[in-house]
Amino acid sequence: MIYTDILLGGGNMKKQILFVDDETQILQGLKRMLRSLRDEWEMYFITGGKEAIEFMNEHPVDVIVSDMRMPGIDGAQLLTHVAEHSPYTVRIILSGQADKSQVLRSIEPSHQYLSKPCDADTLKTTILRASLLRNLMSDEKMSFISSMRSLPSLPRIYSDLVSMLRSPDFSITNVADLIKQDMGMTAKILQLVNSAYFGVSRTVSDPSMAVNLLGINTISSLVLLEGVFSSVSNQMLPSNFSLDAVWNHSGSVGKIAQKILKDAKKDKQDIDDALSAGLLHDCGKIIFADNLKKEYEEVIDKSIRENIALCEVEKEAFGVNHAEAGAYLLNLWGLPEALVEIVAFHHNPTSFSSSQSAALDAVVTANALIDYKGVEGGVAALDQLDDEYINKLGGKKALISRVDCS
């Protein structure tokens, strides 16, 4: 796991992990299964939601892993409480619950969903991955990122999707094409299809495939379920920030990155990764704009006024830039590792330890080309790349020559 090797960090302190299930036999089984991890994790085993809340009032934990169906306070209610009172805590559902309505209820408050039985390696990998970048988010003012249950969608696209699903004349292709026009919907659909509930044998990074696998009934349920999708108008965002502009830019990056790899005859997985990562690469900007309206307005203004790269001003103001913030949220949600890596490193690709990421190179190239055309203004992404990396991509002249072709 390249991403894990680069970004895990956080020192040698034991992670505090809380397991919650109303069946003592399940807890005993988990305790036996995870015995070998006692040197890495401080583990607690609690029977019931009420008891878990009381425990966490006195003992904050890094990760909570809860069953879904429990008497009294169930898993969804418990994790909703945790999200509100301990936003830094990673929230995972581990359940044998097969009822789709219950699974959908867990989507909003949980970061990830695992199904029983779950082996020790899968559980360990999920907890480690979900904890990545935690050290970068240590500032309390960034705690809202862990609390986010959706990325705001463009109101017109959300409205169009609702209308389409109510119409008798639509196809699943129409629905997929519409969802691919929106960053928030794309991220949430990929989160769900890659959860253990659907048992897909490989990671899915193509939004169209995700929609086909989920089916119209599930998509319709998601649209109607409060909190899974949300919309926000530009009036609610910083005055110098346009949700439409960010989405238009991201959509273009995804399409051009996809074209670059198709022209190079790369394999389908790389092409799918480039498209989705391009669509999602700037989701951190929306995270900031939606939660830090006044502060982000000042950051954008300073970037333009002083001609400083936006990601540098973000880092100075918040301790993290939009690439890191976006990667953190998408990783919490369990999106494919390849997509998280591209989002994390799209402004700093030379820090990525592997030299074999065609999708990352394609997204970086597409982002640089679009900025060079002046779509965003300010410091162009092309000017932020070091000479060695530009030469790897074929040189600056070759990149610029592709502008009119893209």
Protein backbone atom coordinates (compact mmCIF):
# COMPACT_ATOMS: atom_id res chain seq x y z
CA MET A 1 0.00 0.00 0.00
CA ILE A 2 2.01 2.95 -1.32
CA TYR A 3 -0.31 5.53 0.15
CA THR A 4 -0.14 3.91 3.59
CA ASP A 5 3.65 3.81 3.50
CA ILE A 6 3.89 7.50 2.67
CA LEU A 7 1.16 9.07 4.74
CA LEU A 8 0.45 6.94 7.80
CA GLY A 9 2.70 8.74 10.27
CA GLY A 10 1.36 9.67 13.69
CA GLY A 11 4.15 8.29 15.89
CA ASN A 12 4.24 5.07 17.88
CA MET A 13 1.31 5.67 20.22
CA LYS A 14 -1.21 2.86 20.38
CA LYS A 15 -4.49 3.45 18.58
CA GLN A 16 -7.53 3.41 20.84
CA ILE A 17 -10.12 1.11 19.25
CA LEU A 18 -13.63 0.55 20.64
CA PHE A 19 -15.72 -2.45 19.51
CA VAL A 20 -19.45 -2.38 20.24
CA ASP A 21 -21.85 -5.32 19.88
CA ASP A 22 -24.76 -6.53 21.96
CA GLU A 23 -23.65 -10.15 21.55
CA THR A 24 -20.87 -11.05 24.00
CA GLN A 25 -19.88 -14.05 21.87
CA ILE A 26 -19.15 -11.75 18.94
CA LEU A 27 -17.00 -9.51 21.14
CA GLN A 28 -15.13 -12.52 22.53
CA GLY A 29 -14.51 -13.72 18.99
CA LEU A 30 -13.14 -10.31 17.97
CA LYS A 31 -10.93 -10.26 21.05
CA ARG A 32 -9.45 -13.67 20.17
CA MET A 33 -9.09 -12.81 16.48
CA LEU A 34 -7.27 -9.53 17.19
CA ARG A 35 -5.06 -10.81 20.02
CA SER A 36 -1.93 -10.43 17.88
CA LEU A 37 -2.57 -6.68 17.58
CA ARG A 38 -2.40 -5.97 21.32
CA ASP A 39 0.99 -4.28 20.94
CA GLU A 40 -0.40 -1.91 18.29
CA TRP A 41 -3.93 -1.25 19.52
CA GLU A 42 -5.48 -0.56 22.89
CA MET A 43 -8.79 -2.35 22.43
CA TYR A 44 -12.03 -2.02 24.38
CA PHE A 45 -15.12 -4.23 24.02
CA ILE A 46 -18.51 -2.83 25.04
CA THR A 47 -21.96 -4.46 24.91
CA GLY A 48 -24.49 -1.86 23.78
CA GLY A 49 -24.84 1.67 22.43
CA LYS A 50 -25.74 3.33 25.73
CA GLU A 51 -22.72 1.78 27.44
CA ALA A 52 -20.47 2.85 24.55
CA ILE A 53 -21.58 6.49 24.85
CA GLU A 54 -20.94 6.45 28.60
CA PHE A 55 -17.51 4.89 28.01
CA MET A 56 -16.53 7.48 25.38
CA ASN A 57 -17.51 10.34 27.68
CA GLU A 58 -14.54 9.29 29.82
CA HIS A 59 -12.29 7.57 27.27
CA PRO A 60 -12.01 9.22 23.80
CA VAL A 61 -11.07 6.70 21.09
CA ASP A 62 -9.51 6.91 17.64
CA VAL A 63 -11.84 4.38 16.02
CA ILE A 64 -15.23 2.92 16.89
CA VAL A 65 -16.40 -0.30 15.22
CA SER A 66 -20.08 -0.97 15.90
CA ASP A 67 -22.71 -3.56 15.06
CA MET A 68 -25.77 -2.15 13.33
CA ARG A 69 -28.72 -3.93 14.94
CA MET A 70 -28.66 -3.53 18.73
CA PRO A 71 -31.48 -3.04 21.24
CA GLY A 72 -32.02 0.50 22.52
CA ILE A 73 -29.44 2.63 20.76
CA ASP A 74 -28.58 0.92 17.46
CA GLY A 75 -25.43 1.34 15.41
CA ALA A 76 -26.70 4.20 13.24
CA GLN A 77 -27.88 6.15 16.31
CA LEU A 78 -24.62 5.47 18.15
CA LEU A 79 -22.43 6.64 15.29
CA THR A 80 -24.60 9.73 14.79
CA HIS A 81 -23.95 10.62 18.43
CA VAL A 82 -20.22 9.97 17.99
CA ALA A 83 -20.10 12.15 14.86
CA GLU A 84 -21.60 15.05 16.81
CA HIS A 85 -19.61 14.68 20.03
CA SER A 86 -16.32 13.14 18.88
CA PRO A 87 -15.83 14.16 15.24
CA TYR A 88 -12.23 12.95 15.07
CA THR A 89 -13.26 9.37 15.79
CA VAL A 90 -13.33 7.10 12.73
CA ARG A 91 -16.75 5.42 12.52
CA ILE A 92 -17.10 1.91 11.07
CA ILE A 93 -20.12 -0.39 10.91
CA LEU A 94 -19.34 -4.10 11.25
CA SER A 95 -22.58 -5.97 10.82
CA GLY A 96 -24.18 -9.12 9.53
CA GLN A 97 -27.29 -7.09 8.79
CA ALA A 98 -28.40 -7.82 5.23
CA ASP A 99 -31.48 -5.63 5.11
CA LYS A 100 -30.87 -2.91 2.52
CA SER A 101 -32.87 -0.26 4.38
CA GLN A 102 -30.71 -0.78 7.46
CA VAL A 103 -27.56 -0.59 5.38
CA LEU A 104 -28.72 2.67 3.82
CA ARG A 105 -29.44 4.05 7.31
CA SER A 106 -25.80 3.40 8.22
CA ILE A 107 -24.39 5.28 5.22
CA GLU A 108 -24.92 8.76 6.60
CA PRO A 109 -23.30 8.47 10.06
CA SER A 110 -20.59 5.90 9.23
CA HIS A 111 -17.37 6.33 7.32
CA GLN A 112 -17.22 2.70 6.19
CA TYR A 113 -19.30 -0.49 6.24
CA LEU A 114 -17.90 -3.99 6.79
CA SER A 115 -19.89 -7.20 6.84
CA LYS A 116 -19.60 -10.16 9.18
CA PRO A 117 -17.73 -12.41 9.18
CA CYS A 118 -14.67 -10.17 8.74
CA ASP A 119 -11.14 -11.51 8.98
CA ALA A 120 -8.43 -9.82 11.04
CA ASP A 121 -6.42 -8.63 8.02
CA THR A 122 -9.42 -6.91 6.42
CA LEU A 123 -10.38 -5.26 9.69
CA LYS A 124 -6.81 -4.11 10.38
CA THR A 125 -6.35 -2.77 6.84
CA THR A 126 -9.65 -0.89 6.98
CA ILE A 127 -8.84 0.71 10.33
CA LEU A 128 -5.32 1.67 9.25
CA ARG A 129 -6.50 3.14 5.95
CA ALA A 130 -9.33 5.05 7.59
CA SER A 131 -6.83 6.56 10.05
CA LEU A 132 -4.48 7.89 7.37
CA LEU A 133 -3.67 11.61 7.41
CA ARG A 134 -5.08 11.85 10.95
CA ASN A 135 -1.83 13.52 12.06
CA LEU A 136 -2.36 16.25 9.45
CA MET A 137 -5.83 16.98 10.85
CA SER A 138 -4.73 17.43 14.47
CA ASP A 139 -5.87 21.06 14.59
CA GLU A 140 -9.32 21.19 16.18
CA LYS A 141 -10.60 23.61 13.53
CA MET A 142 -10.30 20.82 10.98
CA SER A 143 -12.50 18.41 12.95
CA PHE A 144 -15.49 19.27 10.74
CA ILE A 145 -13.97 17.22 7.90
CA SER A 146 -14.48 13.95 9.80
CA SER A 147 -18.06 15.03 10.53
CA MET A 148 -18.97 15.58 6.88
CA ARG A 149 -21.50 13.07 5.59
CA SER A 150 -21.67 14.36 2.03
CA LEU A 151 -20.05 16.77 -0.38
CA PRO A 152 -22.46 19.51 -1.49
CA SER A 153 -23.93 18.90 -4.93
CA LEU A 154 -24.84 21.46 -7.54
CA PRO A 155 -28.51 22.31 -6.88
CA ARG A 156 -29.52 22.09 -10.54
CA ILE A 157 -28.00 18.62 -10.95
CA TYR A 158 -29.58 17.36 -7.75
CA SER A 159 -32.94 18.75 -8.89
CA ASP A 160 -32.50 17.19 -12.34
CA LEU A 161 -31.71 13.80 -10.78
CA VAL A 162 -34.81 13.91 -8.58
CA SER A 163 -36.96 14.83 -11.59
CA MET A 164 -35.39 12.11 -13.72
CA LEU A 165 -36.02 9.41 -11.12
CA ARG A 166 -39.67 10.49 -10.89
CA SER A 167 -40.12 10.26 -14.64
CA PRO A 168 -41.28 7.00 -16.23
CA ASP A 169 -38.97 7.54 -19.20
CA PHE A 170 -35.34 7.30 -18.13
CA SER A 171 -32.54 4.78 -18.37
CA ILE A 172 -29.79 3.84 -15.96
CA THR A 173 -27.36 5.31 -18.50
CA ASN A 174 -29.10 8.69 -18.20
CA VAL A 175 -28.82 8.51 -14.41
CA ALA A 176 -25.11 7.59 -14.56
CA ASP A 177 -24.35 10.42 -17.01
CA LEU A 178 -26.05 12.92 -14.69
CA ILE A 179 -24.30 11.66 -11.55
CA LYS A 180 -20.93 11.93 -13.32
CA GLN A 181 -21.59 15.65 -13.67
CA ASP A 182 -21.48 16.14 -9.90
CA MET A 183 -18.54 15.71 -7.53
CA GLY A 184 -20.59 15.05 -4.41
CA MET A 185 -22.80 12.39 -5.96
CA THR A 186 -19.85 10.67 -7.62
CA ALA A 187 -17.97 10.42 -4.32
CA LYS A 188 -20.96 9.04 -2.43
CA ILE A 189 -21.84 6.49 -5.09
CA LEU A 190 -18.24 5.23 -5.14
CA GLN A 191 -18.21 5.07 -1.33
CA LEU A 192 -21.29 2.84 -1.31
CA VAL A 193 -20.36 0.50 -4.16
CA ASN A 194 -16.93 -0.14 -2.62
CA SER A 195 -18.40 -1.03 0.78
CA ALA A 196 -18.38 -4.67 1.84
CA TYR A 197 -22.17 -4.85 1.70
CA PHE A 198 -22.20 -5.26 -2.08
CA GLY A 199 -19.39 -7.81 -2.11
CA VAL A 200 -17.85 -6.54 -5.35
CA SER A 201 -14.73 -8.61 -6.02
CA ARG A 202 -12.62 -5.63 -7.11
CA THR A 203 -12.50 -1.93 -6.41
CA VAL A 204 -14.77 0.19 -8.58
CA SER A 205 -13.63 3.63 -9.69
CA ASP A 206 -15.90 4.10 -12.72
CA PRO A 207 -19.09 6.02 -11.73
CA SER A 208 -21.08 4.45 -14.58
CA MET A 209 -20.20 0.96 -13.44
CA ALA A 210 -21.03 1.94 -9.84
CA VAL A 211 -24.50 3.11 -10.84
CA ASN A 212 -25.11 -0.10 -12.80
CA LEU A 213 -24.00 -2.26 -9.88
CA LEU A 214 -26.14 -0.37 -7.38
CA GLY A 215 -29.24 -0.30 -9.56
CA ILE A 216 -32.04 2.21 -9.87
CA ASN A 217 -33.84 1.18 -6.67
CA THR A 218 -30.77 1.81 -4.51
CA ILE A 219 -29.99 5.10 -6.29
CA SER A 220 -33.58 6.25 -5.76
CA SER A 221 -33.38 5.33 -2.07
CA LEU A 222 -30.15 7.29 -1.70
CA VAL A 223 -31.65 10.38 -3.29
CA LEU A 224 -34.62 10.28 -0.92
CA LEU A 225 -32.51 9.53 2.18
CA GLU A 226 -31.85 12.80 4.01
CA GLY A 227 -28.18 13.58 4.48
CA VAL A 228 -26.72 11.22 1.86
CA PHE A 229 -26.86 13.87 -0.86
CA SER A 230 -27.00 17.59 -0.13
CA SER A 231 -26.98 20.76 -2.20
CA VAL A 232 -25.71 24.25 -1.61
CA SER A 233 -26.12 27.49 -3.56
CA ASN A 234 -23.31 29.86 -4.47
CA GLN A 235 -24.94 32.42 -2.14
CA MET A 236 -23.99 30.21 0.82
CA LEU A 237 -20.33 30.04 -0.25
CA PRO A 238 -17.50 32.62 -0.26
CA SER A 239 -18.29 35.52 -2.59
CA ASN A 240 -15.15 34.83 -4.65
CA PHE A 241 -15.83 31.09 -4.97
CA SER A 242 -18.02 29.45 -7.61
CA LEU A 243 -19.17 25.87 -7.17
CA ASP A 244 -20.01 25.74 -10.88
CA ALA A 245 -16.50 26.90 -11.81
CA VAL A 246 -14.85 24.27 -9.61
CA TRP A 247 -17.08 21.56 -11.03
CA ASN A 248 -16.55 22.68 -14.66
CA HIS A 249 -12.79 22.64 -14.06
CA SER A 250 -12.87 19.22 -12.39
CA GLY A 251 -15.10 17.74 -15.06
CA SER A 252 -12.73 18.98 -17.75
CA VAL A 253 -9.70 17.57 -15.92
CA GLY A 254 -11.40 14.17 -15.68
CA LYS A 255 -12.34 14.10 -19.37
CA ILE A 256 -8.93 15.26 -20.59
CA ALA A 257 -7.07 12.86 -18.27
CA GLN A 258 -9.26 10.06 -19.59
CA LYS A 259 -8.51 11.08 -23.20
CA ILE A 260 -4.76 11.22 -22.53
CA LEU A 261 -4.74 7.62 -21.34
CA LYS A 262 -7.11 6.39 -24.06
CA ASP A 263 -4.82 7.93 -26.70
CA ALA A 264 -1.86 6.23 -24.99
CA LYS A 265 -3.81 2.92 -25.07
CA LYS A 266 -3.49 2.40 -21.31
CA ASP A 267 -5.58 -0.25 -19.58
CA LYS A 268 -9.18 0.38 -18.55
CA GLN A 269 -8.43 0.56 -14.82
CA ASP A 270 -5.96 3.44 -15.33
CA ILE A 271 -8.48 5.21 -17.59
CA ASP A 272 -11.29 4.80 -15.03
CA ASP A 273 -9.02 6.00 -12.21
CA ALA A 274 -7.96 9.07 -14.19
CA LEU A 275 -11.56 10.04 -14.98
CA SER A 276 -12.85 9.71 -11.41
CA ALA A 277 -9.78 11.21 -9.77
CA GLY A 278 -10.01 14.13 -12.17
CA LEU A 279 -13.65 14.62 -11.20
CA LEU A 280 -12.76 14.53 -7.49
CA HIS A 281 -9.28 16.08 -7.33
CA ASP A 282 -10.46 19.50 -6.10
CA CYS A 283 -13.13 18.30 -3.68
CA GLY A 284 -11.05 19.78 -0.84
CA LYS A 285 -11.86 23.25 -2.15
CA ILE A 286 -15.55 22.54 -1.68
CA ILE A 287 -14.85 21.20 1.82
CA PHE A 288 -13.21 24.50 2.76
CA ALA A 289 -15.75 26.70 1.01
CA ASP A 290 -18.71 24.92 2.58
CA ASN A 291 -17.33 24.95 6.14
CA LEU A 292 -14.98 27.93 6.37
CA LYS A 293 -16.77 30.58 4.32
CA LYS A 294 -15.12 33.73 5.70
CA GLU A 295 -11.65 32.22 6.16
CA TYR A 296 -11.63 30.67 2.71
CA GLU A 297 -12.77 33.89 1.10
CA GLU A 298 -9.69 35.55 2.61
CA VAL A 299 -7.45 32.69 1.45
CA ILE A 300 -8.69 32.96 -2.14
CA ASP A 301 -8.35 36.74 -2.07
CA LYS A 302 -4.75 36.52 -0.84
CA SER A 303 -3.87 33.93 -3.47
CA ILE A 304 -5.13 36.20 -6.25
CA ARG A 305 -3.87 39.47 -4.77
CA GLU A 306 -0.33 38.25 -4.04
CA ASN A 307 -0.13 35.77 -6.95
CA ILE A 308 0.60 32.84 -4.62
CA ALA A 309 -0.54 29.32 -5.38
CA LEU A 310 -3.85 28.63 -3.65
CA CYS A 311 -2.63 25.39 -2.08
CA GLU A 312 0.25 27.29 -0.42
CA VAL A 313 -2.06 29.90 1.11
CA GLU A 314 -4.41 27.13 2.29
CA LYS A 315 -1.53 25.35 3.99
CA GLU A 316 -0.49 28.53 5.74
CA ALA A 317 -4.02 29.31 6.91
CA PHE A 318 -5.35 25.85 7.77
CA GLY A 319 -2.30 23.61 8.17
CA VAL A 320 -3.53 21.49 5.25
CA ASN A 321 -4.24 22.25 1.60
CA HIS A 322 -7.26 21.21 -0.43
CA ALA A 323 -5.45 18.16 -1.85
CA GLU A 324 -4.76 16.80 1.64
CA ALA A 325 -8.22 17.68 2.97
CA GLY A 326 -9.93 16.03 0.01
CA ALA A 327 -7.77 12.91 0.23
CA TYR A 328 -8.46 12.63 3.95
CA LEU A 329 -12.23 12.68 3.50
CA LEU A 330 -12.27 10.31 0.52
CA ASN A 331 -9.98 7.92 2.39
CA LEU A 332 -12.25 7.99 5.45
CA TRP A 333 -15.10 7.02 3.12
CA GLY A 334 -13.13 4.06 1.80
CA LEU A 335 -12.84 5.13 -1.82
CA PRO A 336 -10.31 3.19 -3.92
CA GLU A 337 -6.75 3.82 -2.83
CA ALA A 338 -5.64 4.80 -6.33
CA LEU A 339 -8.14 7.69 -6.38
CA VAL A 340 -7.10 8.87 -2.91
CA GLU A 341 -3.44 8.87 -3.95
CA ILE A 342 -4.11 11.00 -7.02
CA VAL A 343 -6.20 13.52 -5.06
CA ALA A 344 -3.50 13.71 -2.36
CA PHE A 345 -0.57 14.24 -4.74
CA HIS A 346 -2.03 16.14 -7.69
CA HIS A 347 -0.17 19.32 -6.71
CA ASN A 348 2.96 17.53 -5.50
CA PRO A 349 3.42 14.46 -7.71
CA THR A 350 7.16 14.18 -7.10
CA SER A 351 6.42 13.25 -3.46
CA PHE A 352 4.62 10.14 -4.68
CA SER A 353 7.07 7.27 -4.21
CA SER A 354 5.99 5.26 -7.24
CA SER A 355 7.11 6.31 -10.70
CA GLN A 356 4.43 4.09 -12.25
CA SER A 357 1.17 5.99 -11.89
CA ALA A 358 -0.17 6.72 -15.34
CA ALA A 359 -3.46 7.99 -13.91
CA LEU A 360 -1.71 10.48 -11.59
CA ASP A 361 0.44 11.75 -14.47
CA ALA A 362 -2.64 12.16 -16.64
CA VAL A 363 -4.56 14.12 -13.99
CA VAL A 364 -1.53 16.34 -13.25
CA THR A 365 -1.08 16.96 -16.98
CA ALA A 366 -4.77 17.73 -17.56
CA ASN A 367 -4.89 20.05 -14.55
CA ALA A 368 -1.79 21.90 -15.74
CA LEU A 369 -3.09 22.26 -19.29
CA ILE A 370 -6.46 23.65 -18.21
CA ASP A 371 -4.86 26.13 -15.82
CA TYR A 372 -2.44 27.19 -18.56
CA LYS A 373 -5.45 28.08 -20.70
CA GLY A 374 -6.42 30.53 -17.96
CA VAL A 375 -9.58 28.82 -16.74
CA GLU A 376 -8.69 29.43 -13.08
CA GLY A 377 -6.21 32.31 -13.29
CA GLY A 378 -3.64 33.01 -10.59
CA VAL A 379 -0.59 30.75 -10.39
CA ALA A 380 -0.99 28.09 -13.06
CA ALA A 381 -0.54 24.47 -12.03
CA LEU A 382 2.02 24.11 -14.82
CA ASP A 383 4.27 26.66 -13.10
CA GLN A 384 4.11 24.70 -9.83
CA LEU A 385 5.63 21.53 -11.32
CA ASP A 386 9.38 21.07 -11.01
CA ASP A 387 11.52 20.69 -14.12
CA GLU A 388 12.27 17.00 -13.53
CA TYR A 389 8.60 16.10 -13.45
CA ILE A 390 7.79 18.30 -16.46
CA ASN A 391 10.55 16.53 -18.40
CA LYS A 392 9.06 13.18 -17.35
CA LEU A 393 5.79 14.30 -18.95
CA GLY A 394 7.59 15.23 -22.18
CA GLY A 395 8.73 18.78 -21.49
CA LYS A 396 6.94 22.10 -21.18
CA LYS A 397 6.72 22.75 -24.91
CA ALA A 398 5.13 19.37 -25.50
CA LEU A 399 2.60 20.00 -22.74
CA ILE A 400 1.71 23.45 -24.02
CA SER A 401 1.33 22.08 -27.53
CA ARG A 402 -1.44 19.82 -26.24
CA VAL A 403 -3.55 22.77 -25.03
CA ASP A 404 -5.31 23.34 -28.33
CA CYS A 405 -5.71 19.59 -28.81
CA SER A 406 -7.48 19.15 -25.48
